């Protein structure tokens, strides 16, 4: 049994999303500080432990990174915090022998801004890794990246040690020829 291989690629959230997560969780320490001045029964203690766990989980999630894990021929999509696995999800490679990178142009709007520019946002390139069937007709998104270098590193990791071969996306919608 081989030890699992992992690759940690990039942050799970952009700065704007981290601000949202931490901003929503910011009342929790204030509430905990208020509770610390009171004498609590077992229910209050349970509430304090729950809130501490919730705040810690949100912080871990906000600063997590995304990547892949290969273990015994199986592929997992994972979230990491300081190199440790927070969560992993198995990816089914059944009938999907091909992996490819597709480039898309996307835009993201900011959630709050002044009345002067209510639709303020920015455009960016997105590099998405898909697993495909032989004819490239069916595709499943594995992960989305903000840089081409990161996507290329992920593609190299996926194509080594697994039965995935990298190809240029070129769907074949034609019907098979019968003879």
C-alpha atoms as a PDB file:
ATOM      1  CA  UNK A   1       0.000   0.000   0.000  1.00  0.00           C
ATOM      2  CA  UNK A   2       1.540   3.273  -1.157  1.00  0.00           C
ATOM      3  CA  UNK A   3       1.300   6.425   0.956  1.00  0.00           C
ATOM      4  CA  UNK A   4      -1.176   8.951  -0.436  1.00  0.00           C
ATOM      5  CA  UNK A   5       0.188  11.668  -2.689  1.00  0.00           C
ATOM      6  CA  UNK A   6      -1.195  15.168  -2.354  1.00  0.00           C
ATOM      7  CA  UNK A   7      -0.848  18.461  -4.135  1.00  0.00           C
ATOM      8  CA  UNK A   8      -1.943  21.724  -2.526  1.00  0.00           C
ATOM      9  CA  UNK A   9      -2.616  24.239  -5.261  1.00  0.00           C
ATOM     10  CA  UNK A  10      -4.190  27.576  -4.296  1.00  0.00           C
ATOM     11  CA  UNK A  11      -6.462  29.340  -1.833  1.00  0.00           C
ATOM     12  CA  UNK A  12     -10.052  28.153  -1.740  1.00  0.00           C
ATOM     13  CA  UNK A  13     -11.389  31.708  -1.540  1.00  0.00           C
ATOM     14  CA  UNK A  14     -10.327  35.079  -2.911  1.00  0.00           C
ATOM     15  CA  UNK A  15      -9.757  37.962  -0.502  1.00  0.00           C
ATOM     16  CA  UNK A  16     -13.234  39.378  -1.009  1.00  0.00           C
ATOM     17  CA  UNK A  17     -14.828  36.050  -0.061  1.00  0.00           C
ATOM     18  CA  UNK A  18     -12.557  35.712   2.998  1.00  0.00           C
ATOM     19  CA  UNK A  19     -13.725  39.131   4.185  1.00  0.00           C
ATOM     20  CA  UNK A  20     -17.334  37.951   3.897  1.00  0.00           C
ATOM     21  CA  UNK A  21     -16.708  34.751   5.841  1.00  0.00           C
ATOM     22  CA  UNK A  22     -14.746  36.427   8.618  1.00  0.00           C
ATOM     23  CA  UNK A  23     -17.118  39.386   8.715  1.00  0.00           C
ATOM     24  CA  UNK A  24     -20.087  37.097   9.264  1.00  0.00           C
ATOM     25  CA  UNK A  25     -18.209  35.251  12.015  1.00  0.00           C
ATOM     26  CA  UNK A  26     -16.884  38.397  13.739  1.00  0.00           C
ATOM     27  CA  UNK A  27     -19.807  38.746  16.211  1.00  0.00           C
ATOM     28  CA  UNK A  28     -18.976  35.337  17.700  1.00  0.00           C
ATOM     29  CA  UNK A  29     -15.873  36.452  19.700  1.00  0.00           C
ATOM     30  CA  UNK A  30     -17.751  39.529  20.907  1.00  0.00           C
ATOM     31  CA  UNK A  31     -20.595  37.312  22.104  1.00  0.00           C
ATOM     32  CA  UNK A  32     -18.088  34.951  23.746  1.00  0.00           C
ATOM     33  CA  UNK A  33     -16.427  37.853  25.549  1.00  0.00           C
ATOM     34  CA  UNK A  34     -19.818  38.918  26.871  1.00  0.00           C
ATOM     35  CA  UNK A  35     -20.564  35.383  28.069  1.00  0.00           C
ATOM     36  CA  UNK A  36     -17.217  35.141  29.861  1.00  0.00           C
ATOM     37  CA  UNK A  37     -18.355  37.678  32.463  1.00  0.00           C
ATOM     38  CA  UNK A  38     -21.328  35.557  33.460  1.00  0.00           C
ATOM     39  CA  UNK A  39     -21.601  32.461  35.567  1.00  0.00           C
ATOM     40  CA  UNK A  40     -22.924  29.750  33.278  1.00  0.00           C
ATOM     41  CA  UNK A  41     -24.620  26.430  33.836  1.00  0.00           C
ATOM     42  CA  UNK A  42     -23.888  23.368  31.676  1.00  0.00           C
ATOM     43  CA  UNK A  43     -26.081  24.643  28.833  1.00  0.00           C
ATOM     44  CA  UNK A  44     -24.158  27.907  28.713  1.00  0.00           C
ATOM     45  CA  UNK A  45     -20.851  26.052  28.723  1.00  0.00           C
ATOM     46  CA  UNK A  46     -22.103  23.895  25.853  1.00  0.00           C
ATOM     47  CA  UNK A  47     -23.057  27.038  23.941  1.00  0.00           C
ATOM     48  CA  UNK A  48     -19.600  28.529  24.520  1.00  0.00           C
ATOM     49  CA  UNK A  49     -17.871  25.365  23.239  1.00  0.00           C
ATOM     50  CA  UNK A  50     -20.160  25.277  20.208  1.00  0.00           C
ATOM     51  CA  UNK A  51     -19.433  28.918  19.367  1.00  0.00           C
ATOM     52  CA  UNK A  52     -15.679  28.427  19.780  1.00  0.00           C
ATOM     53  CA  UNK A  53     -15.855  25.421  17.429  1.00  0.00           C
ATOM     54  CA  UNK A  54     -17.977  27.348  14.936  1.00  0.00           C
ATOM     55  CA  UNK A  55     -15.598  30.316  14.886  1.00  0.00           C
ATOM     56  CA  UNK A  56     -12.559  28.050  14.566  1.00  0.00           C
ATOM     57  CA  UNK A  57     -14.224  26.164  11.695  1.00  0.00           C
ATOM     58  CA  UNK A  58     -15.005  29.385   9.832  1.00  0.00           C
ATOM     59  CA  UNK A  59     -11.407  30.600  10.231  1.00  0.00           C
ATOM     60  CA  UNK A  60     -10.062  27.251   9.005  1.00  0.00           C
ATOM     61  CA  UNK A  61     -12.438  27.365   6.043  1.00  0.00           C
ATOM     62  CA  UNK A  62     -11.586  30.965   5.148  1.00  0.00           C
ATOM     63  CA  UNK A  63      -7.847  30.274   5.023  1.00  0.00           C
ATOM     64  CA  UNK A  64      -8.064  26.794   3.489  1.00  0.00           C
ATOM     65  CA  UNK A  65      -6.419  25.767   0.252  1.00  0.00           C
ATOM     66  CA  UNK A  66      -7.686  23.400  -2.423  1.00  0.00           C
ATOM     67  CA  UNK A  67      -5.929  20.492  -4.028  1.00  0.00           C
ATOM     68  CA  UNK A  68      -5.981  16.799  -4.887  1.00  0.00           C
ATOM     69  CA  UNK A  69      -5.082  13.538  -3.163  1.00  0.00           C
ATOM     70  CA  UNK A  70      -4.195  10.278  -4.948  1.00  0.00           C
ATOM     71  CA  UNK A  71      -4.407   7.097  -2.920  1.00  0.00           C
ATOM     72  CA  UNK A  72      -4.361   3.523  -4.286  1.00  0.00           C
ATOM     73  CA  UNK A  73      -5.550   4.558  -7.757  1.00  0.00           C
ATOM     74  CA  UNK A  74      -8.391   6.700  -6.387  1.00  0.00           C
ATOM     75  CA  UNK A  75      -8.644  10.452  -6.762  1.00  0.00           C
ATOM     76  CA  UNK A  76      -9.974  12.869  -4.160  1.00  0.00           C
ATOM     77  CA  UNK A  77     -10.705  16.575  -4.258  1.00  0.00           C
ATOM     78  CA  UNK A  78      -9.557  18.052  -0.937  1.00  0.00           C
ATOM     79  CA  UNK A  79      -9.438  21.159   1.231  1.00  0.00           C
ATOM     80  CA  UNK A  80      -6.282  21.704   3.274  1.00  0.00           C
ATOM     81  CA  UNK A  81      -5.353  23.911   6.198  1.00  0.00           C
ATOM     82  CA  UNK A  82      -1.618  24.214   6.849  1.00  0.00           C
ATOM     83  CA  UNK A  83      -0.950  21.006   4.942  1.00  0.00           C
ATOM     84  CA  UNK A  84      -3.538  18.931   6.814  1.00  0.00           C
ATOM     85  CA  UNK A  85      -6.666  17.586   5.180  1.00  0.00           C
ATOM     86  CA  UNK A  86      -9.868  19.268   6.378  1.00  0.00           C
ATOM     87  CA  UNK A  87     -12.191  17.539   3.943  1.00  0.00           C
ATOM     88  CA  UNK A  88     -11.909  15.250   0.960  1.00  0.00           C
ATOM     89  CA  UNK A  89     -14.397  14.007  -1.609  1.00  0.00           C
ATOM     90  CA  UNK A  90     -13.890  11.027  -3.897  1.00  0.00           C
ATOM     91  CA  UNK A  91     -14.025  11.701  -7.623  1.00  0.00           C
ATOM     92  CA  UNK A  92     -15.487   8.968  -9.824  1.00  0.00           C
ATOM     93  CA  UNK A  93     -13.280   8.325 -12.839  1.00  0.00           C
ATOM     94  CA  UNK A  94     -15.596   5.696 -14.312  1.00  0.00           C
ATOM     95  CA  UNK A  95     -15.952   6.229 -18.089  1.00  0.00           C
ATOM     96  CA  UNK A  96     -13.775   9.360 -17.862  1.00  0.00           C
ATOM     97  CA  UNK A  97     -10.267   8.507 -19.177  1.00  0.00           C
ATOM     98  CA  UNK A  98      -9.358  12.004 -20.417  1.00  0.00           C
ATOM     99  CA  UNK A  99      -8.433  15.185 -18.539  1.00  0.00           C
ATOM    100  CA  UNK A 100      -8.298  18.655 -20.082  1.00  0.00           C
ATOM    101  CA  UNK A 101      -7.892  22.325 -19.181  1.00  0.00           C
ATOM    102  CA  UNK A 102     -10.445  24.805 -20.512  1.00  0.00           C
ATOM    103  CA  UNK A 103     -10.022  28.566 -20.301  1.00  0.00           C
ATOM    104  CA  UNK A 104     -13.018  30.811 -19.630  1.00  0.00           C
ATOM    105  CA  UNK A 105     -13.498  34.536 -19.213  1.00  0.00           C
ATOM    106  CA  UNK A 106     -15.454  35.264 -16.036  1.00  0.00           C
ATOM    107  CA  UNK A 107     -16.496  38.252 -13.983  1.00  0.00           C
ATOM    108  CA  UNK A 108     -17.065  38.679 -10.258  1.00  0.00           C
ATOM    109  CA  UNK A 109     -19.044  41.474  -8.665  1.00  0.00           C
ATOM    110  CA  UNK A 110     -18.244  42.937  -5.296  1.00  0.00           C
ATOM    111  CA  UNK A 111     -21.037  42.600  -2.759  1.00  0.00           C
ATOM    112  CA  UNK A 112     -20.897  46.109  -1.371  1.00  0.00           C
ATOM    113  CA  UNK A 113     -19.896  49.469  -2.763  1.00  0.00           C
ATOM    114  CA  UNK A 114     -21.159  53.006  -2.859  1.00  0.00           C
ATOM    115  CA  UNK A 115     -24.078  54.279  -4.869  1.00  0.00           C
ATOM    116  CA  UNK A 116     -21.595  55.820  -7.313  1.00  0.00           C
ATOM    117  CA  UNK A 117     -20.640  52.383  -8.689  1.00  0.00           C
ATOM    118  CA  UNK A 118     -23.245  49.832  -7.582  1.00  0.00           C
ATOM    119  CA  UNK A 119     -22.158  47.214 -10.146  1.00  0.00           C
ATOM    120  CA  UNK A 120     -18.440  47.364  -9.445  1.00  0.00           C
ATOM    121  CA  UNK A 121     -16.710  44.131 -10.345  1.00  0.00           C
ATOM    122  CA  UNK A 122     -13.767  42.738 -12.240  1.00  0.00           C
ATOM    123  CA  UNK A 123     -13.099  40.333 -15.087  1.00  0.00           C
ATOM    124  CA  UNK A 124     -10.614  37.498 -14.884  1.00  0.00           C
ATOM    125  CA  UNK A 125      -9.541  34.324 -16.659  1.00  0.00           C
ATOM    126  CA  UNK A 126     -10.557  31.014 -15.169  1.00  0.00           C
ATOM    127  CA  UNK A 127      -8.698  27.789 -15.930  1.00  0.00           C
ATOM    128  CA  UNK A 128     -10.902  24.766 -15.286  1.00  0.00           C
ATOM    129  CA  UNK A 129      -9.866  21.134 -15.233  1.00  0.00           C
ATOM    130  CA  UNK A 130     -12.446  18.702 -16.582  1.00  0.00           C
ATOM    131  CA  UNK A 131     -12.514  14.940 -16.834  1.00  0.00           C
ATOM    132  CA  UNK A 132     -14.013  13.808 -20.137  1.00  0.00           C
ATOM    133  CA  UNK A 133     -15.261  10.672 -21.822  1.00  0.00           C
ATOM    134  CA  UNK A 134     -13.496   9.312 -24.938  1.00  0.00           C
ATOM    135  CA  UNK A 135     -15.474  11.486 -27.371  1.00  0.00           C
ATOM    136  CA  UNK A 136     -15.259  14.587 -25.120  1.00  0.00           C
ATOM    137  CA  UNK A 137     -19.058  14.888 -25.077  1.00  0.00           C
ATOM    138  CA  UNK A 138     -19.553  14.325 -21.352  1.00  0.00           C
ATOM    139  CA  UNK A 139     -17.474  16.412 -19.019  1.00  0.00           C
ATOM    140  CA  UNK A 140     -17.291  16.860 -15.257  1.00  0.00           C
ATOM    141  CA  UNK A 141     -15.625  19.822 -13.591  1.00  0.00           C
ATOM    142  CA  UNK A 142     -12.863  18.863 -11.180  1.00  0.00           C
ATOM    143  CA  UNK A 143     -11.567  22.241 -10.070  1.00  0.00           C
ATOM    144  CA  UNK A 144     -11.314  25.881 -11.117  1.00  0.00           C
ATOM    145  CA  UNK A 145      -8.061  27.850 -10.883  1.00  0.00           C
ATOM    146  CA  UNK A 146      -7.075  31.471 -11.296  1.00  0.00           C
ATOM    147  CA  UNK A 147      -3.710  30.873 -12.989  1.00  0.00           C
ATOM    148  CA  UNK A 148      -2.642  28.735 -15.901  1.00  0.00           C
ATOM    149  CA  UNK A 149       0.527  27.585 -14.090  1.00  0.00           C
ATOM    150  CA  UNK A 150      -1.508  26.158 -11.223  1.00  0.00           C
ATOM    151  CA  UNK A 151      -3.862  24.400 -13.623  1.00  0.00           C
ATOM    152  CA  UNK A 152      -0.914  22.933 -15.531  1.00  0.00           C
ATOM    153  CA  UNK A 153       0.661  21.671 -12.295  1.00  0.00           C
ATOM    154  CA  UNK A 154      -2.647  20.047 -11.352  1.00  0.00           C
ATOM    155  CA  UNK A 155      -2.925  18.456 -14.819  1.00  0.00           C
ATOM    156  CA  UNK A 156       0.563  16.960 -14.490  1.00  0.00           C
ATOM    157  CA  UNK A 157      -0.300  15.605 -11.050  1.00  0.00           C
ATOM    158  CA  UNK A 158      -3.527  14.024 -12.347  1.00  0.00           C
ATOM    159  CA  UNK A 159      -1.963  12.458 -15.426  1.00  0.00           C
ATOM    160  CA  UNK A 160       0.876  10.780 -13.498  1.00  0.00           C
ATOM    161  CA  UNK A 161      -0.079   7.636 -11.639  1.00  0.00           C
ATOM    162  CA  UNK A 162      -3.719   7.579 -12.726  1.00  0.00           C
ATOM    163  CA  UNK A 163      -5.308   6.263 -15.911  1.00  0.00           C
ATOM    164  CA  UNK A 164      -6.001   9.808 -17.108  1.00  0.00           C
ATOM    165  CA  UNK A 165      -4.452  11.111 -20.284  1.00  0.00           C
ATOM    166  CA  UNK A 166      -4.284  14.834 -21.020  1.00  0.00           C
ATOM    167  CA  UNK A 167      -5.839  15.908 -24.307  1.00  0.00           C
ATOM    168  CA  UNK A 168      -6.971  19.108 -25.976  1.00  0.00           C
ATOM    169  CA  UNK A 169     -10.729  19.477 -25.655  1.00  0.00           C
ATOM    170  CA  UNK A 170     -12.272  18.590 -29.005  1.00  0.00           C
ATOM    171  CA  UNK A 171     -15.792  17.157 -28.822  1.00  0.00           C
ATOM    172  CA  UNK A 172     -16.851  14.617 -31.432  1.00  0.00           C
ATOM    173  CA  UNK A 173     -20.637  14.936 -31.802  1.00  0.00           C
ATOM    174  CA  UNK A 174     -20.748  12.746 -34.900  1.00  0.00           C
ATOM    175  CA  UNK A 175     -22.496   9.422 -34.715  1.00  0.00           C
ATOM    176  CA  UNK A 176     -20.418   6.272 -35.055  1.00  0.00           C
ATOM    177  CA  UNK A 177     -20.226   4.945 -38.606  1.00  0.00           C
ATOM    178  CA  UNK A 178     -21.942   1.577 -39.086  1.00  0.00           C
ATOM    179  CA  UNK A 179     -20.560  -0.841 -41.608  1.00  0.00           C
END
